[in-house]
Amino acid sequence: MISCFFVTDMHGRLARFESLFDRVEREPPEALFIGGDILPHAFSGLRAGEDFLEEVLLAGLGRLRDRLGSRFPRVFVIPGNDD
C-alpha cells in the first residue's frame, strides 16, 4: 500500500510547517501533497511570496531530503486561492 500525507491551509504558519517536517521525518510517506493556501495571508504580517517559499518551504524540504536520503517522499504542491 502506498502511504501519503496531505496537508492544506497551512497559511504560512511556521509551527504548522515545523510539525509537518517533523512528522515526515519520523514517518516518511512515499508521497507528500501540500494543498492550497500555503502562503501567509497578505495582511497577516508574516513573510509572503518567494521569500517564504525559499526560506521556509524549500529550505525545510531540503533539510528533510538531506536527512532522509532515498526515503525522501515525492512532493506535490497544489497552489490555492491565497497562493
PDB file of N, CA and C in Angstrom:
ATOM      1  N   MET A   1       0.835  -1.168   0.000  1.00  0.00           N
ATOM      2  CA  MET A   1       0.000   0.000   0.000  1.00  0.00           C
ATOM      3  C   MET A   1       0.892   1.247   0.000  1.00  0.00           C
ATOM      4  N   ILE A   2       0.506   2.223  -0.786  1.00  0.00           N
ATOM      5  CA  ILE A   2       1.253   3.483  -0.852  1.00  0.00           C
ATOM      6  C   ILE A   2       0.825   4.366   0.307  1.00  0.00           C
ATOM      7  N   SER A   3       1.807   4.919   1.009  1.00  0.00           N
ATOM      8  CA  SER A   3       1.497   5.849   2.097  1.00  0.00           C
ATOM      9  C   SER A   3       1.700   7.271   1.600  1.00  0.00           C
ATOM     10  N   CYS A   4       0.788   8.148   2.005  1.00  0.00           N
ATOM     11  CA  CYS A   4       0.936   9.553   1.622  1.00  0.00           C
ATOM     12  C   CYS A   4       0.384  10.438   2.724  1.00  0.00           C
ATOM     13  N   PHE A   5       0.882  11.663   2.738  1.00  0.00           N
ATOM     14  CA  PHE A   5       0.372  12.698   3.623  1.00  0.00           C
ATOM     15  C   PHE A   5      -0.226  13.781   2.738  1.00  0.00           C
ATOM     16  N   PHE A   6      -1.319  14.361   3.197  1.00  0.00           N
ATOM     17  CA  PHE A   6      -1.922  15.501   2.525  1.00  0.00           C
ATOM     18  C   PHE A   6      -2.181  16.572   3.572  1.00  0.00           C
ATOM     19  N   VAL A   7      -1.686  17.772   3.320  1.00  0.00           N
ATOM     20  CA  VAL A   7      -1.952  18.909   4.202  1.00  0.00           C
ATOM     21  C   VAL A   7      -2.483  20.053   3.360  1.00  0.00           C
ATOM     22  N   THR A   8      -3.232  20.909   3.993  1.00  0.00           N
ATOM     23  CA  THR A   8      -3.766  22.070   3.302  1.00  0.00           C
ATOM     24  C   THR A   8      -3.975  23.199   4.308  1.00  0.00           C
ATOM     25  N   ASP A   9      -4.195  24.387   3.804  1.00  0.00           N
ATOM     26  CA  ASP A   9      -4.484  25.555   4.642  1.00  0.00           C
ATOM     27  C   ASP A   9      -3.405  25.806   5.694  1.00  0.00           C
ATOM     28  N   MET A  10      -2.158  25.735   5.265  1.00  0.00           N
ATOM     29  CA  MET A  10      -1.042  25.996   6.177  1.00  0.00           C
ATOM     30  C   MET A  10      -0.904  27.494   6.463  1.00  0.00           C
ATOM     31  N   HIS A  11      -1.327  28.338   5.523  1.00  0.00           N
ATOM     32  CA  HIS A  11      -1.369  29.800   5.670  1.00  0.00           C
ATOM     33  C   HIS A  11      -0.092  30.401   6.253  1.00  0.00           C
ATOM     34  N   GLY A  12       1.052  29.816   5.898  1.00  0.00           N
ATOM     35  CA  GLY A  12       2.329  30.389   6.305  1.00  0.00           C
ATOM     36  C   GLY A  12       2.660  30.261   7.775  1.00  0.00           C
ATOM     37  N   ARG A  13       1.944  29.464   8.490  1.00  0.00           N
ATOM     38  CA  ARG A  13       2.196  29.296   9.936  1.00  0.00           C
ATOM     39  C   ARG A  13       3.417  28.407  10.141  1.00  0.00           C
ATOM     40  N   LEU A  14       4.479  28.997  10.670  1.00  0.00           N
ATOM     41  CA  LEU A  14       5.742  28.276  10.831  1.00  0.00           C
ATOM     42  C   LEU A  14       5.587  27.025  11.685  1.00  0.00           C
ATOM     43  N   ALA A  15       4.798  27.099  12.734  1.00  0.00           N
ATOM     44  CA  ALA A  15       4.602  25.929  13.602  1.00  0.00           C
ATOM     45  C   ALA A  15       3.965  24.777  12.840  1.00  0.00           C
ATOM     46  N   ARG A  16       3.075  25.084  11.918  1.00  0.00           N
ATOM     47  CA  ARG A  16       2.437  24.035  11.113  1.00  0.00           C
ATOM     48  C   ARG A  16       3.456  23.368  10.201  1.00  0.00           C
ATOM     49  N   PHE A  17       4.328  24.174   9.595  1.00  0.00           N
ATOM     50  CA  PHE A  17       5.356  23.599   8.720  1.00  0.00           C
ATOM     51  C   PHE A  17       6.366  22.787   9.526  1.00  0.00           C
ATOM     52  N   GLU A  18       6.755  23.295  10.682  1.00  0.00           N
ATOM     53  CA  GLU A  18       7.692  22.546  11.532  1.00  0.00           C
ATOM     54  C   GLU A  18       7.093  21.209  11.944  1.00  0.00           C
ATOM     55  N   SER A  19       5.826  21.214  12.296  1.00  0.00           N
ATOM     56  CA  SER A  19       5.138  19.980  12.676  1.00  0.00           C
ATOM     57  C   SER A  19       5.084  19.006  11.501  1.00  0.00           C
ATOM     58  N   LEU A  20       4.784  19.520  10.324  1.00  0.00           N
ATOM     59  CA  LEU A  20       4.756  18.676   9.127  1.00  0.00           C
ATOM     60  C   LEU A  20       6.123  18.061   8.870  1.00  0.00           C
ATOM     61  N   PHE A  21       7.170  18.874   8.896  1.00  0.00           N
ATOM     62  CA  PHE A  21       8.514  18.365   8.617  1.00  0.00           C
ATOM     63  C   PHE A  21       8.931  17.325   9.660  1.00  0.00           C
ATOM     64  N   ASP A  22       8.589  17.561  10.925  1.00  0.00           N
ATOM     65  CA  ASP A  22       8.896  16.586  11.975  1.00  0.00           C
ATOM     66  C   ASP A  22       8.191  15.263  11.710  1.00  0.00           C
ATOM     67  N   ARG A  23       6.932  15.340  11.353  1.00  0.00           N
ATOM     68  CA  ARG A  23       6.149  14.116  11.101  1.00  0.00           C
ATOM     69  C   ARG A  23       6.685  13.345   9.904  1.00  0.00           C
ATOM     70  N   VAL A  24       7.017  14.057   8.835  1.00  0.00           N
ATOM     71  CA  VAL A  24       7.568  13.402   7.643  1.00  0.00           C
ATOM     72  C   VAL A  24       8.890  12.719   7.989  1.00  0.00           C
ATOM     73  N   GLU A  25       9.695  13.360   8.813  1.00  0.00           N
ATOM     74  CA  GLU A  25      10.974  12.762   9.192  1.00  0.00           C
ATOM     75  C   GLU A  25      10.769  11.501  10.046  1.00  0.00           C
ATOM     76  N   ARG A  26       9.801  11.533  10.950  1.00  0.00           N
ATOM     77  CA  ARG A  26       9.554  10.375  11.820  1.00  0.00           C
ATOM     78  C   ARG A  26       8.887   9.211  11.090  1.00  0.00           C
ATOM     79  N   GLU A  27       7.958   9.535  10.182  1.00  0.00           N
ATOM     80  CA  GLU A  27       7.187   8.517   9.463  1.00  0.00           C
ATOM     81  C   GLU A  27       7.161   8.851   7.972  1.00  0.00           C
ATOM     82  N   PRO A  28       8.283   8.703   7.276  1.00  0.00           N
ATOM     83  CA  PRO A  28       8.341   9.143   5.880  1.00  0.00           C
ATOM     84  C   PRO A  28       7.297   8.460   4.990  1.00  0.00           C
ATOM     85  N   PRO A  29       6.419   9.248   4.385  1.00  0.00           N
ATOM     86  CA  PRO A  29       5.467   8.688   3.430  1.00  0.00           C
ATOM     87  C   PRO A  29       6.151   8.543   2.077  1.00  0.00           C
ATOM     88  N   GLU A  30       5.484   7.884   1.162  1.00  0.00           N
ATOM     89  CA  GLU A  30       6.014   7.791  -0.201  1.00  0.00           C
ATOM     90  C   GLU A  30       5.721   9.065  -0.978  1.00  0.00           C
ATOM     91  N   ALA A  31       4.634   9.754  -0.616  1.00  0.00           N
ATOM     92  CA  ALA A  31       4.260  10.993  -1.293  1.00  0.00           C
ATOM     93  C   ALA A  31       3.739  11.997  -0.270  1.00  0.00           C
ATOM     94  N   LEU A  32       4.044  13.254  -0.520  1.00  0.00           N
ATOM     95  CA  LEU A  32       3.564  14.357   0.302  1.00  0.00           C
ATOM     96  C   LEU A  32       2.837  15.333  -0.611  1.00  0.00           C
ATOM     97  N   PHE A  33       1.565  15.577  -0.324  1.00  0.00           N
ATOM     98  CA  PHE A  33       0.759  16.525  -1.081  1.00  0.00           C
ATOM     99  C   PHE A  33       0.526  17.738  -0.204  1.00  0.00           C
ATOM    100  N   ILE A  34       0.942  18.899  -0.691  1.00  0.00           N
ATOM    101  CA  ILE A  34       0.733  20.155   0.031  1.00  0.00           C
ATOM    102  C   ILE A  34      -0.302  20.927  -0.763  1.00  0.00           C
ATOM    103  N   GLY A  35      -1.536  20.927  -0.254  1.00  0.00           N
ATOM    104  CA  GLY A  35      -2.646  21.559  -0.959  1.00  0.00           C
ATOM    105  C   GLY A  35      -2.765  23.022  -0.609  1.00  0.00           C
ATOM    106  N   GLY A  36      -3.492  23.733  -1.382  1.00  0.00           N
ATOM    107  CA  GLY A  36      -3.655  25.167  -1.370  1.00  0.00           C
ATOM    108  C   GLY A  36      -3.539  25.916  -0.064  1.00  0.00           C
ATOM    109  N   ASP A  37      -3.403  27.206  -0.219  1.00  0.00           N
ATOM    110  CA  ASP A  37      -3.262  28.154   0.880  1.00  0.00           C
ATOM    111  C   ASP A  37      -2.018  27.850   1.708  1.00  0.00           C
ATOM    112  N   ILE A  38      -0.912  27.802   1.009  1.00  0.00           N
ATOM    113  CA  ILE A  38       0.397  27.524   1.592  1.00  0.00           C
ATOM    114  C   ILE A  38       0.980  28.796   2.206  1.00  0.00           C
ATOM    115  N   LEU A  39       0.860  29.888   1.483  1.00  0.00           N
ATOM    116  CA  LEU A  39       1.482  31.153   1.869  1.00  0.00           C
ATOM    117  C   LEU A  39       0.680  31.895   2.928  1.00  0.00           C
ATOM    118  N   PRO A  40       1.352  32.810   3.653  1.00  0.00           N
ATOM    119  CA  PRO A  40       0.632  33.654   4.613  1.00  0.00           C
ATOM    120  C   PRO A  40      -0.360  34.559   3.892  1.00  0.00           C
ATOM    121  N   HIS A  41      -1.430  34.924   4.586  1.00  0.00           N
ATOM    122  CA  HIS A  41      -2.356  35.925   4.056  1.00  0.00           C
ATOM    123  C   HIS A  41      -1.585  37.229   3.862  1.00  0.00           C
ATOM    124  N   ALA A  42      -1.969  38.000   2.890  1.00  0.00           N
ATOM    125  CA  ALA A  42      -1.270  39.248   2.569  1.00  0.00           C
ATOM    126  C   ALA A  42      -1.183  40.205   3.757  1.00  0.00           C
ATOM    127  N   PHE A  43      -2.181  40.203   4.616  1.00  0.00           N
ATOM    128  CA  PHE A  43      -2.223  41.160   5.722  1.00  0.00           C
ATOM    129  C   PHE A  43      -1.925  40.515   7.077  1.00  0.00           C
ATOM    130  N   SER A  44      -1.308  39.347   7.057  1.00  0.00           N
ATOM    131  CA  SER A  44      -1.061  38.632   8.312  1.00  0.00           C
ATOM    132  C   SER A  44       0.177  39.129   9.048  1.00  0.00           C
ATOM    133  N   GLY A  45       1.028  39.888   8.372  1.00  0.00           N
ATOM    134  CA  GLY A  45       2.268  40.336   8.991  1.00  0.00           C
ATOM    135  C   GLY A  45       3.393  39.326   8.856  1.00  0.00           C
ATOM    136  N   LEU A  46       3.096  38.158   8.287  1.00  0.00           N
ATOM    137  CA  LEU A  46       4.120  37.138   8.070  1.00  0.00           C
ATOM    138  C   LEU A  46       4.748  37.337   6.704  1.00  0.00           C
ATOM    139  N   ARG A  47       5.949  36.792   6.528  1.00  0.00           N
ATOM    140  CA  ARG A  47       6.609  36.863   5.218  1.00  0.00           C
ATOM    141  C   ARG A  47       5.757  36.150   4.185  1.00  0.00           C
ATOM    142  N   ALA A  48       5.724  36.663   2.988  1.00  0.00           N
ATOM    143  CA  ALA A  48       4.923  36.043   1.935  1.00  0.00           C
ATOM    144  C   ALA A  48       5.748  35.902   0.669  1.00  0.00           C
ATOM    145  N   GLY A  49       5.181  35.250  -0.309  1.00  0.00           N
ATOM    146  CA  GLY A  49       5.766  35.153  -1.628  1.00  0.00           C
ATOM    147  C   GLY A  49       7.019  34.325  -1.703  1.00  0.00           C
ATOM    148  N   GLU A  50       7.918  34.760  -2.594  1.00  0.00           N
ATOM    149  CA  GLU A  50       9.129  33.998  -2.880  1.00  0.00           C
ATOM    150  C   GLU A  50      10.005  33.808  -1.651  1.00  0.00           C
ATOM    151  N   ASP A  51      10.109  34.821  -0.797  1.00  0.00           N
ATOM    152  CA  ASP A  51      10.917  34.688   0.418  1.00  0.00           C
ATOM    153  C   ASP A  51      10.417  33.532   1.269  1.00  0.00           C
ATOM    154  N   PHE A  52       9.127  33.469   1.463  1.00  0.00           N
ATOM    155  CA  PHE A  52       8.557  32.413   2.292  1.00  0.00           C
ATOM    156  C   PHE A  52       8.799  31.047   1.648  1.00  0.00           C
ATOM    157  N   LEU A  53       8.531  30.945   0.365  1.00  0.00           N
ATOM    158  CA  LEU A  53       8.724  29.665  -0.313  1.00  0.00           C
ATOM    159  C   LEU A  53      10.172  29.196  -0.216  1.00  0.00           C
ATOM    160  N   GLU A  54      11.088  30.118  -0.422  1.00  0.00           N
ATOM    161  CA  GLU A  54      12.509  29.760  -0.403  1.00  0.00           C
ATOM    162  C   GLU A  54      13.012  29.490   1.014  1.00  0.00           C
ATOM    163  N   GLU A  55      12.694  30.374   1.931  1.00  0.00           N
ATOM    164  CA  GLU A  55      13.262  30.306   3.278  1.00  0.00           C
ATOM    165  C   GLU A  55      12.579  29.284   4.187  1.00  0.00           C
ATOM    166  N   VAL A  56      11.328  28.993   3.930  1.00  0.00           N
ATOM    167  CA  VAL A  56      10.605  28.063   4.801  1.00  0.00           C
ATOM    168  C   VAL A  56      10.336  26.743   4.091  1.00  0.00           C
ATOM    169  N   LEU A  57       9.573  26.785   3.020  1.00  0.00           N
ATOM    170  CA  LEU A  57       9.162  25.542   2.364  1.00  0.00           C
ATOM    171  C   LEU A  57      10.339  24.811   1.721  1.00  0.00           C
ATOM    172  N   LEU A  58      11.046  25.470   0.834  1.00  0.00           N
ATOM    173  CA  LEU A  58      12.154  24.794   0.134  1.00  0.00           C
ATOM    174  C   LEU A  58      13.304  24.449   1.082  1.00  0.00           C
ATOM    175  N   ALA A  59      13.607  25.328   2.012  1.00  0.00           N
ATOM    176  CA  ALA A  59      14.682  25.033   2.968  1.00  0.00           C
ATOM    177  C   ALA A  59      14.311  23.837   3.843  1.00  0.00           C
ATOM    178  N   GLY A  60      13.066  23.795   4.306  1.00  0.00           N
ATOM    179  CA  GLY A  60      12.617  22.676   5.131  1.00  0.00           C
ATOM    180  C   GLY A  60      12.629  21.367   4.368  1.00  0.00           C
ATOM    181  N   LEU A  61      12.165  21.393   3.125  1.00  0.00           N
ATOM    182  CA  LEU A  61      12.186  20.175   2.310  1.00  0.00           C
ATOM    183  C   LEU A  61      13.623  19.756   2.011  1.00  0.00           C
ATOM    184  N   GLY A  62      14.505  20.714   1.816  1.00  0.00           N
ATOM    185  CA  GLY A  62      15.917  20.398   1.575  1.00  0.00           C
ATOM    186  C   GLY A  62      16.557  19.702   2.762  1.00  0.00           C
ATOM    187  N   ARG A  63      16.259  20.193   3.957  1.00  0.00           N
ATOM    188  CA  ARG A  63      16.782  19.533   5.167  1.00  0.00           C
ATOM    189  C   ARG A  63      16.249  18.110   5.280  1.00  0.00           C
ATOM    190  N   LEU A  64      14.969  17.940   4.986  1.00  0.00           N
ATOM    191  CA  LEU A  64      14.386  16.597   5.017  1.00  0.00           C
ATOM    192  C   LEU A  64      15.059  15.680   4.008  1.00  0.00           C
ATOM    193  N   ARG A  65      15.278  16.191   2.817  1.00  0.00           N
ATOM    194  CA  ARG A  65      15.930  15.388   1.771  1.00  0.00           C
ATOM    195  C   ARG A  65      17.316  14.950   2.229  1.00  0.00           C
ATOM    196  N   ASP A  66      18.053  15.849   2.851  1.00  0.00           N
ATOM    197  CA  ASP A  66      19.388  15.508   3.353  1.00  0.00           C
ATOM    198  C   ASP A  66      19.317  14.431   4.435  1.00  0.00           C
ATOM    199  N   ARG A  67      18.335  14.523   5.307  1.00  0.00           N
ATOM    200  CA  ARG A  67      18.215  13.565   6.415  1.00  0.00           C
ATOM    201  C   ARG A  67      17.660  12.216   5.975  1.00  0.00           C
ATOM    202  N   LEU A  68      16.703  12.248   5.043  1.00  0.00           N
ATOM    203  CA  LEU A  68      16.014  11.011   4.667  1.00  0.00           C
ATOM    204  C   LEU A  68      16.653  10.271   3.498  1.00  0.00           C
ATOM    205  N   GLY A  69      17.430  10.970   2.692  1.00  0.00           N
ATOM    206  CA  GLY A  69      18.060  10.317   1.544  1.00  0.00           C
ATOM    207  C   GLY A  69      17.030   9.646   0.650  1.00  0.00           C
ATOM    208  N   SER A  70      17.186   8.355   0.406  1.00  0.00           N
ATOM    209  CA  SER A  70      16.301   7.631  -0.517  1.00  0.00           C
ATOM    210  C   SER A  70      14.879   7.481   0.026  1.00  0.00           C
ATOM    211  N   ARG A  71      14.669   7.760   1.299  1.00  0.00           N
ATOM    212  CA  ARG A  71      13.321   7.675   1.878  1.00  0.00           C
ATOM    213  C   ARG A  71      12.545   8.989   1.742  1.00  0.00           C
ATOM    214  N   PHE A  72      13.174  10.008   1.132  1.00  0.00           N
ATOM    215  CA  PHE A  72      12.503  11.296   0.937  1.00  0.00           C
ATOM    216  C   PHE A  72      11.308  11.097   0.001  1.00  0.00           C
ATOM    217  N   PRO A  73      10.134  11.615   0.380  1.00  0.00           N
ATOM    218  CA  PRO A  73       8.934  11.390  -0.438  1.00  0.00           C
ATOM    219  C   PRO A  73       8.909  12.239  -1.710  1.00  0.00           C
ATOM    220  N   ARG A  74       8.109  11.797  -2.650  1.00  0.00           N
ATOM    221  CA  ARG A  74       7.791  12.659  -3.798  1.00  0.00           C
ATOM    222  C   ARG A  74       6.883  13.751  -3.259  1.00  0.00           C
ATOM    223  N   VAL A  75       7.116  14.979  -3.682  1.00  0.00           N
ATOM    224  CA  VAL A  75       6.373  16.125  -3.144  1.00  0.00           C
ATOM    225  C   VAL A  75       5.568  16.769  -4.275  1.00  0.00           C
ATOM    226  N   PHE A  76       4.287  16.974  -4.003  1.00  0.00           N
ATOM    227  CA  PHE A  76       3.380  17.615  -4.953  1.00  0.00           C
ATOM    228  C   PHE A  76       2.782  18.840  -4.277  1.00  0.00           C
ATOM    229  N   VAL A  77       2.904  19.997  -4.923  1.00  0.00           N
ATOM    230  CA  VAL A  77       2.387  21.248  -4.361  1.00  0.00           C
ATOM    231  C   VAL A  77       1.245  21.730  -5.241  1.00  0.00           C
ATOM    232  N   ILE A  78       0.112  22.002  -4.613  1.00  0.00           N
ATOM    233  CA  ILE A  78      -1.086  22.413  -5.323  1.00  0.00           C
ATOM    234  C   ILE A  78      -1.475  23.805  -4.816  1.00  0.00           C
ATOM    235  N   PRO A  79      -1.177  24.860  -5.582  1.00  0.00           N
ATOM    236  CA  PRO A  79      -1.491  26.212  -5.115  1.00  0.00           C
ATOM    237  C   PRO A  79      -2.995  26.404  -4.898  1.00  0.00           C
ATOM    238  N   GLY A  80      -3.331  27.307  -3.988  1.00  0.00           N
ATOM    239  CA  GLY A  80      -4.728  27.624  -3.716  1.00  0.00           C
ATOM    240  C   GLY A  80      -5.013  29.091  -3.963  1.00  0.00           C
ATOM    241  N   ASN A  81      -6.158  29.539  -3.530  1.00  0.00           N
ATOM    242  CA  ASN A  81      -6.573  30.909  -3.831  1.00  0.00           C
ATOM    243  C   ASN A  81      -5.734  31.960  -3.107  1.00  0.00           C
ATOM    244  N   ASP A  82      -5.051  31.616  -2.019  1.00  0.00           N
ATOM    245  CA  ASP A  82      -4.190  32.584  -1.333  1.00  0.00           C
ATOM    246  C   ASP A  82      -2.746  32.519  -1.822  1.00  0.00           C
ATOM    247  N   ASP A  83      -2.461  31.650  -2.761  1.00  0.00           N
ATOM    248  CA  ASP A  83      -1.092  31.484  -3.250  1.00  0.00           C
ATOM    249  C   ASP A  83      -0.966  32.197  -4.543  1.00  0.00           C
TER     250      ASP A  83
END
